[in-house]
PDB file of all heavy atoms in Angstrom:
ATOM      1  N   ASP A   1       0.455 -19.410 -10.523  1.00  0.00           N
ATOM      2  CA  ASP A   1       0.236 -18.209 -11.324  1.00  0.00           C
ATOM      3  C   ASP A   1       0.957 -18.378 -12.661  1.00  0.00           C
ATOM      4  O   ASP A   1       2.179 -18.329 -12.718  1.00  0.00           O
ATOM      5  CB  ASP A   1       0.765 -16.980 -10.583  1.00  0.00           C
ATOM      6  CG  ASP A   1       0.429 -15.687 -11.292  1.00  0.00           C
ATOM      7  OD1 ASP A   1      -0.187 -15.728 -12.374  1.00  0.00           O
ATOM      8  OD2 ASP A   1       0.784 -14.629 -10.753  1.00  0.00           O
ATOM      9  N   HIS A   2       0.195 -18.608 -13.699  1.00  0.00           N
ATOM     10  CA  HIS A   2       0.768 -18.846 -15.024  1.00  0.00           C
ATOM     11  C   HIS A   2       0.744 -17.603 -15.896  1.00  0.00           C
ATOM     12  O   HIS A   2       1.038 -17.675 -17.080  1.00  0.00           O
ATOM     13  CB  HIS A   2       0.001 -19.975 -15.735  1.00  0.00           C
ATOM     14  CG  HIS A   2       0.144 -21.293 -15.054  1.00  0.00           C
ATOM     15  ND1 HIS A   2       1.314 -22.002 -15.056  1.00  0.00           N
ATOM     16  CD2 HIS A   2      -0.737 -22.029 -14.350  1.00  0.00           C
ATOM     17  CE1 HIS A   2       1.155 -23.120 -14.383  1.00  0.00           C
ATOM     18  NE2 HIS A   2      -0.080 -23.166 -13.938  1.00  0.00           N
ATOM     19  N   ARG A   3       0.417 -16.444 -15.327  1.00  0.00           N
ATOM     20  CA  ARG A   3       0.323 -15.233 -16.138  1.00  0.00           C
ATOM     21  C   ARG A   3       1.648 -14.871 -16.792  1.00  0.00           C
ATOM     22  O   ARG A   3       1.667 -14.459 -17.950  1.00  0.00           O
ATOM     23  CB  ARG A   3      -0.191 -14.063 -15.307  1.00  0.00           C
ATOM     24  CG  ARG A   3      -1.672 -14.182 -14.970  1.00  0.00           C
ATOM     25  CD  ARG A   3      -2.113 -13.037 -14.128  1.00  0.00           C
ATOM     26  NE  ARG A   3      -1.488 -13.180 -12.808  1.00  0.00           N
ATOM     27  CZ  ARG A   3      -1.760 -12.425 -11.775  1.00  0.00           C
ATOM     28  NH1 ARG A   3      -2.609 -11.437 -11.889  1.00  0.00           N
ATOM     29  NH2 ARG A   3      -1.178 -12.634 -10.612  1.00  0.00           N
ATOM     30  N   HIS A   4       2.757 -15.027 -16.064  1.00  0.00           N
ATOM     31  CA  HIS A   4       4.044 -14.681 -16.650  1.00  0.00           C
ATOM     32  C   HIS A   4       4.398 -15.615 -17.800  1.00  0.00           C
ATOM     33  O   HIS A   4       4.975 -15.197 -18.796  1.00  0.00           O
ATOM     34  CB  HIS A   4       5.149 -14.656 -15.590  1.00  0.00           C
ATOM     35  CG  HIS A   4       5.434 -15.985 -14.971  1.00  0.00           C
ATOM     36  ND1 HIS A   4       4.602 -16.569 -14.053  1.00  0.00           N
ATOM     37  CD2 HIS A   4       6.447 -16.834 -15.165  1.00  0.00           C
ATOM     38  CE1 HIS A   4       5.109 -17.730 -13.702  1.00  0.00           C
ATOM     39  NE2 HIS A   4       6.221 -17.925 -14.353  1.00  0.00           N
ATOM     40  N   LEU A   5       4.019 -16.883 -17.696  1.00  0.00           N
ATOM     41  CA  LEU A   5       4.263 -17.823 -18.796  1.00  0.00           C
ATOM     42  C   LEU A   5       3.382 -17.501 -19.996  1.00  0.00           C
ATOM     43  O   LEU A   5       3.836 -17.572 -21.145  1.00  0.00           O
ATOM     44  CB  LEU A   5       4.001 -19.255 -18.332  1.00  0.00           C
ATOM     45  CG  LEU A   5       4.968 -19.813 -17.302  1.00  0.00           C
ATOM     46  CD1 LEU A   5       4.520 -21.188 -16.842  1.00  0.00           C
ATOM     47  CD2 LEU A   5       6.373 -19.866 -17.859  1.00  0.00           C
ATOM     48  N   ALA A   6       2.146 -17.134 -19.733  1.00  0.00           N
ATOM     49  CA  ALA A   6       1.238 -16.787 -20.829  1.00  0.00           C
ATOM     50  C   ALA A   6       1.735 -15.535 -21.559  1.00  0.00           C
ATOM     51  O   ALA A   6       1.679 -15.463 -22.790  1.00  0.00           O
ATOM     52  CB  ALA A   6      -0.176 -16.570 -20.300  1.00  0.00           C
ATOM     53  N   GLU A   7       2.238 -14.565 -20.813  1.00  0.00           N
ATOM     54  CA  GLU A   7       2.762 -13.346 -21.437  1.00  0.00           C
ATOM     55  C   GLU A   7       4.020 -13.650 -22.254  1.00  0.00           C
ATOM     56  O   GLU A   7       4.189 -13.139 -23.356  1.00  0.00           O
ATOM     57  CB  GLU A   7       3.066 -12.282 -20.374  1.00  0.00           C
ATOM     58  CG  GLU A   7       3.691 -11.017 -20.909  1.00  0.00           C
ATOM     59  CD  GLU A   7       2.830 -10.269 -21.928  1.00  0.00           C
ATOM     60  OE1 GLU A   7       1.621 -10.520 -22.031  1.00  0.00           O
ATOM     61  OE2 GLU A   7       3.393  -9.413 -22.640  1.00  0.00           O
ATOM     62  N   ALA A   8       4.893 -14.492 -21.741  1.00  0.00           N
ATOM     63  CA  ALA A   8       6.092 -14.884 -22.489  1.00  0.00           C
ATOM     64  C   ALA A   8       5.711 -15.617 -23.770  1.00  0.00           C
ATOM     65  O   ALA A   8       6.311 -15.388 -24.825  1.00  0.00           O
ATOM     66  CB  ALA A   8       7.001 -15.748 -21.622  1.00  0.00           C
ATOM     67  N   ALA A   9       4.715 -16.481 -23.700  1.00  0.00           N
ATOM     68  CA  ALA A   9       4.257 -17.205 -24.887  1.00  0.00           C
ATOM     69  C   ALA A   9       3.668 -16.237 -25.908  1.00  0.00           C
ATOM     70  O   ALA A   9       3.920 -16.357 -27.114  1.00  0.00           O
ATOM     71  CB  ALA A   9       3.222 -18.261 -24.502  1.00  0.00           C
ATOM     72  N   ARG A  10       2.909 -15.252 -25.433  1.00  0.00           N
ATOM     73  CA  ARG A  10       2.330 -14.261 -26.336  1.00  0.00           C
ATOM     74  C   ARG A  10       3.423 -13.473 -27.043  1.00  0.00           C
ATOM     75  O   ARG A  10       3.390 -13.292 -28.253  1.00  0.00           O
ATOM     76  CB  ARG A  10       1.413 -13.305 -25.566  1.00  0.00           C
ATOM     77  CG  ARG A  10       0.657 -12.324 -26.467  1.00  0.00           C
ATOM     78  CD  ARG A  10       0.043 -11.179 -25.696  1.00  0.00           C
ATOM     79  NE  ARG A  10       1.016 -10.296 -25.076  1.00  0.00           N
ATOM     80  CZ  ARG A  10       1.779  -9.411 -25.747  1.00  0.00           C
ATOM     81  NH1 ARG A  10       1.678  -9.317 -27.052  1.00  0.00           N
ATOM     82  NH2 ARG A  10       2.648  -8.649 -25.116  1.00  0.00           N
ATOM     83  N   GLN A  11       4.428 -13.042 -26.304  1.00  0.00           N
ATOM     84  CA  GLN A  11       5.523 -12.280 -26.899  1.00  0.00           C
ATOM     85  C   GLN A  11       6.317 -13.121 -27.887  1.00  0.00           C
ATOM     86  O   GLN A  11       6.718 -12.628 -28.950  1.00  0.00           O
ATOM     87  CB  GLN A  11       6.448 -11.741 -25.802  1.00  0.00           C
ATOM     88  CG  GLN A  11       5.832 -10.640 -24.982  1.00  0.00           C
ATOM     89  CD  GLN A  11       6.747 -10.184 -23.861  1.00  0.00           C
ATOM     90  OE1 GLN A  11       7.859 -10.668 -23.701  1.00  0.00           O
ATOM     91  NE2 GLN A  11       6.257  -9.235 -23.068  1.00  0.00           N
ATOM     92  N   THR A  12       6.538 -14.389 -27.547  1.00  0.00           N
ATOM     93  CA  THR A  12       7.255 -15.280 -28.456  1.00  0.00           C
ATOM     94  C   THR A  12       6.473 -15.488 -29.740  1.00  0.00           C
ATOM     95  O   THR A  12       7.029 -15.425 -30.839  1.00  0.00           O
ATOM     96  CB  THR A  12       7.527 -16.636 -27.778  1.00  0.00           C
ATOM     97  OG1 THR A  12       8.288 -16.401 -26.597  1.00  0.00           O
ATOM     98  CG2 THR A  12       8.270 -17.580 -28.698  1.00  0.00           C
ATOM     99  N   ASN A  13       5.178 -15.720 -29.620  1.00  0.00           N
ATOM    100  CA  ASN A  13       4.346 -15.892 -30.809  1.00  0.00           C
ATOM    101  C   ASN A  13       4.326 -14.638 -31.664  1.00  0.00           C
ATOM    102  O   ASN A  13       4.381 -14.711 -32.892  1.00  0.00           O
ATOM    103  CB  ASN A  13       2.924 -16.282 -30.418  1.00  0.00           C
ATOM    104  CG  ASN A  13       2.843 -17.695 -29.907  1.00  0.00           C
ATOM    105  OD1 ASN A  13       3.674 -18.533 -30.246  1.00  0.00           O
ATOM    106  ND2 ASN A  13       1.863 -17.965 -29.072  1.00  0.00           N
ATOM    107  N   GLN A  14       4.271 -13.484 -31.030  1.00  0.00           N
ATOM    108  CA  GLN A  14       4.283 -12.222 -31.763  1.00  0.00           C
ATOM    109  C   GLN A  14       5.608 -12.061 -32.516  1.00  0.00           C
ATOM    110  O   GLN A  14       5.626 -11.679 -33.677  1.00  0.00           O
ATOM    111  CB  GLN A  14       4.082 -11.060 -30.799  1.00  0.00           C
ATOM    112  CG  GLN A  14       4.003  -9.708 -31.469  1.00  0.00           C
ATOM    113  CD  GLN A  14       3.806  -8.583 -30.453  1.00  0.00           C
ATOM    114  OE1 GLN A  14       4.096  -8.751 -29.259  1.00  0.00           O
ATOM    115  NE2 GLN A  14       3.319  -7.473 -30.911  1.00  0.00           N
ATOM    116  N   PHE A  15       6.714 -12.372 -31.849  1.00  0.00           N
ATOM    117  CA  PHE A  15       8.027 -12.268 -32.482  1.00  0.00           C
ATOM    118  C   PHE A  15       8.147 -13.235 -33.655  1.00  0.00           C
ATOM    119  O   PHE A  15       8.625 -12.867 -34.733  1.00  0.00           O
ATOM    120  CB  PHE A  15       9.125 -12.550 -31.457  1.00  0.00           C
ATOM    121  CG  PHE A  15      10.504 -12.585 -32.044  1.00  0.00           C
ATOM    122  CD1 PHE A  15      11.168 -11.417 -32.345  1.00  0.00           C
ATOM    123  CD2 PHE A  15      11.123 -13.794 -32.305  1.00  0.00           C
ATOM    124  CE1 PHE A  15      12.446 -11.444 -32.886  1.00  0.00           C
ATOM    125  CE2 PHE A  15      12.389 -13.842 -32.853  1.00  0.00           C
ATOM    126  CZ  PHE A  15      13.051 -12.659 -33.146  1.00  0.00           C
ATOM    127  N   LEU A  16       7.709 -14.470 -33.454  1.00  0.00           N
ATOM    128  CA  LEU A  16       7.848 -15.485 -34.504  1.00  0.00           C
ATOM    129  C   LEU A  16       6.900 -15.260 -35.672  1.00  0.00           C
ATOM    130  O   LEU A  16       7.162 -15.732 -36.780  1.00  0.00           O
ATOM    131  CB  LEU A  16       7.634 -16.877 -33.918  1.00  0.00           C
ATOM    132  CG  LEU A  16       8.696 -17.330 -32.916  1.00  0.00           C
ATOM    133  CD1 LEU A  16       8.307 -18.668 -32.297  1.00  0.00           C
ATOM    134  CD2 LEU A  16      10.066 -17.415 -33.568  1.00  0.00           C
ATOM    135  N   SER A  17       5.814 -14.541 -35.459  1.00  0.00           N
ATOM    136  CA  SER A  17       4.862 -14.328 -36.548  1.00  0.00           C
ATOM    137  C   SER A  17       5.267 -13.181 -37.470  1.00  0.00           C
ATOM    138  O   SER A  17       4.701 -13.027 -38.543  1.00  0.00           O
ATOM    139  CB  SER A  17       3.463 -14.074 -35.991  1.00  0.00           C
ATOM    140  OG  SER A  17       3.427 -12.832 -35.316  1.00  0.00           O
ATOM    141  N   LYS A  18       6.233 -12.387 -37.049  1.00  0.00           N
ATOM    142  CA  LYS A  18       6.692 -11.289 -37.900  1.00  0.00           C
ATOM    143  C   LYS A  18       7.449 -11.845 -39.093  1.00  0.00           C
ATOM    144  O   LYS A  18       8.189 -12.810 -38.985  1.00  0.00           O
ATOM    145  CB  LYS A  18       7.613 -10.352 -37.123  1.00  0.00           C
ATOM    146  CG  LYS A  18       6.906  -9.563 -36.063  1.00  0.00           C
ATOM    147  CD  LYS A  18       7.890  -8.648 -35.364  1.00  0.00           C
ATOM    148  CE  LYS A  18       7.196  -7.865 -34.271  1.00  0.00           C
ATOM    149  NZ  LYS A  18       8.151  -7.025 -33.534  1.00  0.00           N
ATOM    150  N   THR A  19       7.235 -11.215 -40.246  1.00  0.00           N
ATOM    151  CA  THR A  19       7.976 -11.634 -41.426  1.00  0.00           C
ATOM    152  C   THR A  19       9.390 -11.077 -41.326  1.00  0.00           C
ATOM    153  O   THR A  19       9.590  -9.930 -40.916  1.00  0.00           O
ATOM    154  CB  THR A  19       7.314 -11.123 -42.717  1.00  0.00           C
ATOM    155  OG1 THR A  19       7.190  -9.706 -42.630  1.00  0.00           O
ATOM    156  CG2 THR A  19       5.959 -11.757 -42.913  1.00  0.00           C
ATOM    157  N   PRO A  20      10.367 -11.872 -41.679  1.00  0.00           N
ATOM    158  CA  PRO A  20      11.744 -11.405 -41.569  1.00  0.00           C
ATOM    159  C   PRO A  20      11.993 -10.208 -42.488  1.00  0.00           C
ATOM    160  O   PRO A  20      11.513 -10.176 -43.617  1.00  0.00           O
ATOM    161  CB  PRO A  20      12.586 -12.599 -41.977  1.00  0.00           C
ATOM    162  CG  PRO A  20      11.658 -13.644 -42.455  1.00  0.00           C
ATOM    163  CD  PRO A  20      10.264 -13.222 -42.179  1.00  0.00           C
ATOM    164  N   GLN A  21      12.727  -9.254 -41.994  1.00  0.00           N
ATOM    165  CA  GLN A  21      13.082  -8.068 -42.779  1.00  0.00           C
ATOM    166  C   GLN A  21      14.331  -8.386 -43.594  1.00  0.00           C
ATOM    167  O   GLN A  21      15.328  -8.825 -43.069  1.00  0.00           O
ATOM    168  CB  GLN A  21      13.363  -6.885 -41.843  1.00  0.00           C
ATOM    169  CG  GLN A  21      12.191  -6.507 -40.968  1.00  0.00           C
ATOM    170  CD  GLN A  21      11.048  -5.927 -41.783  1.00  0.00           C
ATOM    171  OE1 GLN A  21      11.267  -5.228 -42.762  1.00  0.00           O
ATOM    172  NE2 GLN A  21       9.832  -6.238 -41.382  1.00  0.00           N
ATOM    173  N   ARG A  22      14.240  -8.151 -44.893  1.00  0.00           N
ATOM    174  CA  ARG A  22      15.393  -8.376 -45.760  1.00  0.00           C
ATOM    175  C   ARG A  22      16.257  -7.136 -45.766  1.00  0.00           C
ATOM    176  O   ARG A  22      15.761  -6.025 -45.843  1.00  0.00           O
ATOM    177  CB  ARG A  22      14.943  -8.707 -47.174  1.00  0.00           C
ATOM    178  CG  ARG A  22      14.231 -10.036 -47.240  1.00  0.00           C
ATOM    179  CD  ARG A  22      13.778 -10.392 -48.602  1.00  0.00           C
ATOM    180  NE  ARG A  22      14.348  -9.555 -49.651  1.00  0.00           N
ATOM    181  CZ  ARG A  22      14.323  -9.854 -50.930  1.00  0.00           C
ATOM    182  NH1 ARG A  22      13.750 -10.933 -51.317  1.00  0.00           N
ATOM    183  NH2 ARG A  22      14.846  -9.052 -51.827  1.00  0.00           N
ATOM    184  N   LYS A  23      17.539  -7.351 -45.703  1.00  0.00           N
ATOM    185  CA  LYS A  23      18.458  -6.227 -45.775  1.00  0.00           C
ATOM    186  C   LYS A  23      18.632  -5.838 -47.229  1.00  0.00           C
ATOM    187  O   LYS A  23      18.804  -6.685 -48.101  1.00  0.00           O
ATOM    188  CB  LYS A  23      19.802  -6.594 -45.159  1.00  0.00           C
ATOM    189  CG  LYS A  23      19.715  -6.811 -43.664  1.00  0.00           C
ATOM    190  CD  LYS A  23      21.069  -7.067 -43.092  1.00  0.00           C
ATOM    191  CE  LYS A  23      20.952  -7.251 -41.590  1.00  0.00           C
ATOM    192  NZ  LYS A  23      22.246  -7.472 -40.991  1.00  0.00           N
ATOM    193  N   ASP A  24      18.591  -4.563 -47.483  1.00  0.00           N
ATOM    194  CA  ASP A  24      18.750  -4.043 -48.833  1.00  0.00           C
ATOM    195  C   ASP A  24      20.247  -3.981 -49.153  1.00  0.00           C
ATOM    196  O   ASP A  24      20.992  -3.219 -48.544  1.00  0.00           O
ATOM    197  CB  ASP A  24      18.104  -2.664 -48.942  1.00  0.00           C
ATOM    198  CG  ASP A  24      18.098  -2.156 -50.358  1.00  0.00           C
ATOM    199  OD1 ASP A  24      18.562  -2.873 -51.259  1.00  0.00           O
ATOM    200  OD2 ASP A  24      17.602  -1.028 -50.547  1.00  0.00           O
ATOM    201  N   ALA A  25      20.667  -4.794 -50.109  1.00  0.00           N
ATOM    202  CA  ALA A  25      22.102  -4.871 -50.468  1.00  0.00           C
ATOM    203  C   ALA A  25      22.592  -3.590 -51.140  1.00  0.00           C
ATOM    204  O   ALA A  25      23.790  -3.348 -51.204  1.00  0.00           O
ATOM    205  CB  ALA A  25      22.335  -6.063 -51.387  1.00  0.00           C
ATOM    206  N   SER A  26      21.681  -2.770 -51.634  1.00  0.00           N
ATOM    207  CA  SER A  26      22.106  -1.574 -52.360  1.00  0.00           C
ATOM    208  C   SER A  26      22.348  -0.388 -51.418  1.00  0.00           C
ATOM    209  O   SER A  26      22.754   0.667 -51.879  1.00  0.00           O
ATOM    210  CB  SER A  26      21.062  -1.206 -53.404  1.00  0.00           C
ATOM    211  OG  SER A  26      19.863  -0.836 -52.778  1.00  0.00           O
ATOM    212  N   ARG A  27      22.108  -0.550 -50.131  1.00  0.00           N
ATOM    213  CA  ARG A  27      22.321   0.564 -49.208  1.00  0.00           C
ATOM    214  C   ARG A  27      23.808   0.859 -49.080  1.00  0.00           C
ATOM    215  O   ARG A  27      24.623  -0.022 -48.974  1.00  0.00           O
ATOM    216  CB  ARG A  27      21.735   0.225 -47.828  1.00  0.00           C
ATOM    217  CG  ARG A  27      20.225   0.211 -47.862  1.00  0.00           C
ATOM    218  CD  ARG A  27      19.614  -0.119 -46.554  1.00  0.00           C
ATOM    219  NE  ARG A  27      20.110   0.792 -45.505  1.00  0.00           N
ATOM    220  CZ  ARG A  27      19.830   0.650 -44.236  1.00  0.00           C
ATOM    221  NH1 ARG A  27      19.085  -0.359 -43.849  1.00  0.00           N
ATOM    222  NH2 ARG A  27      20.293   1.483 -43.341  1.00  0.00           N
ATOM    223  N   ARG A  28      24.149   2.126 -49.054  1.00  0.00           N
ATOM    224  CA  ARG A  28      25.543   2.519 -49.015  1.00  0.00           C
ATOM    225  C   ARG A  28      25.919   3.226 -47.712  1.00  0.00           C
ATOM    226  O   ARG A  28      26.988   3.775 -47.601  1.00  0.00           O
ATOM    227  CB  ARG A  28      25.852   3.483 -50.172  1.00  0.00           C
ATOM    228  CG  ARG A  28      25.473   2.947 -51.517  1.00  0.00           C
ATOM    229  CD  ARG A  28      26.650   2.441 -52.214  1.00  0.00           C
ATOM    230  NE  ARG A  28      26.223   1.941 -53.509  1.00  0.00           N
ATOM    231  CZ  ARG A  28      26.903   1.062 -54.152  1.00  0.00           C
ATOM    232  NH1 ARG A  28      28.024   0.581 -53.671  1.00  0.00           N
ATOM    233  NH2 ARG A  28      26.485   0.629 -55.307  1.00  0.00           N
TER     234      ARG A  28
END
C-alpha cells in the first residue's frame, strides 16, 4: 500500500512549491 507515501510526496511537493515569504523588516 503506497498511498501513504504518495500522500507524503504530494504534501512535500506542495510545501516546496510555495514561494518563500519575506519578512518585512519595517514591522514594529
